[in-house]
Amino acid sequence: MRFNETTKEAQLVSAHPGVTFDELQRETGWELTAPEPFVETAAPTEKELKLIRMIDPEGFWTS
């Protein structure tokens, strides 16, 4: 989520791989907006994964 600079409204800017805007809209209690293009969330880099695994050795956030 990010805030639209003009309207100040929260906007969905990306989704995890395999998740569509329509799926997210069905699971949300308000009307979502999204800028064009709506994109897939980028996968974490190796450096980011290494840091996550250091902070979360039990794998709570990665399993």
Protein backbone atom coordinates (compact mmCIF):
# COMPACT_ATOMS: atom_id res chain seq x y z
CA MET A 1 0.00 0.00 0.00
CA ARG A 2 1.07 3.54 -0.74
CA PHE A 3 -0.76 6.83 -0.49
CA ASN A 4 -1.78 8.62 -3.68
CA GLU A 5 -0.07 12.01 -3.63
CA THR A 6 -3.10 13.80 -5.07
CA THR A 7 -6.06 12.11 -3.37
CA LYS A 8 -4.19 10.97 -0.22
CA GLU A 9 -6.08 7.67 -0.60
CA ALA A 10 -4.32 4.39 0.19
CA GLN A 11 -3.62 2.44 -3.00
CA LEU A 12 -2.57 -1.12 -3.54
CA VAL A 13 0.63 -1.00 -5.60
CA SER A 14 1.60 -4.67 -5.85
CA ALA A 15 0.62 -8.19 -4.86
CA HIS A 16 2.57 -11.34 -4.09
CA PRO A 17 3.12 -13.72 -7.00
CA GLY A 18 -0.03 -15.62 -7.92
CA VAL A 19 -2.42 -13.20 -6.16
CA THR A 20 -4.69 -11.07 -8.33
CA PHE A 21 -6.19 -7.66 -7.70
CA ASP A 22 -9.67 -9.23 -7.86
CA GLU A 23 -8.79 -11.77 -5.17
CA LEU A 24 -7.52 -9.02 -2.89
CA GLN A 25 -10.61 -6.92 -3.55
CA ARG A 26 -12.91 -9.79 -2.53
CA GLU A 27 -11.04 -10.13 0.79
CA THR A 28 -11.05 -6.40 1.60
CA GLY A 29 -13.78 -4.49 3.41
CA TRP A 30 -13.51 -1.39 1.22
CA GLU A 31 -13.06 -0.50 -2.44
CA LEU A 32 -9.41 -0.90 -3.38
CA THR A 33 -7.73 1.32 -5.91
CA ALA A 34 -4.53 0.57 -7.74
CA PRO A 35 -2.36 2.61 -10.05
CA GLU A 36 -1.60 1.42 -13.55
CA PRO A 37 0.28 -0.74 -13.97
CA PHE A 38 -0.56 -3.01 -11.03
CA VAL A 39 2.50 -5.20 -10.59
CA GLU A 40 3.68 -8.33 -8.84
CA THR A 41 5.71 -7.75 -5.67
CA ALA A 42 9.40 -8.26 -6.36
CA ALA A 43 11.01 -11.31 -4.81
CA PRO A 44 13.53 -10.58 -2.05
CA THR A 45 17.17 -10.41 -3.02
CA GLU A 46 19.68 -12.92 -1.66
CA LYS A 47 20.98 -10.21 0.68
CA GLU A 48 17.45 -9.56 2.00
CA LEU A 49 16.81 -13.29 2.47
CA LYS A 50 20.06 -13.66 4.38
CA LEU A 51 19.05 -10.84 6.72
CA ILE A 52 15.53 -12.25 7.19
CA ARG A 53 16.99 -15.66 8.06
CA MET A 54 19.34 -14.05 10.60
CA ILE A 55 16.46 -12.19 12.27
CA ASP A 56 14.01 -15.10 11.93
CA PRO A 57 16.00 -18.34 12.36
CA GLU A 58 12.81 -20.34 13.05
CA GLY A 59 11.39 -19.40 9.63
CA PHE A 60 8.15 -17.85 10.91
CA TRP A 61 8.12 -15.21 8.15
CA THR A 62 9.49 -17.39 5.37
CA SER A 63 7.59 -20.65 5.63
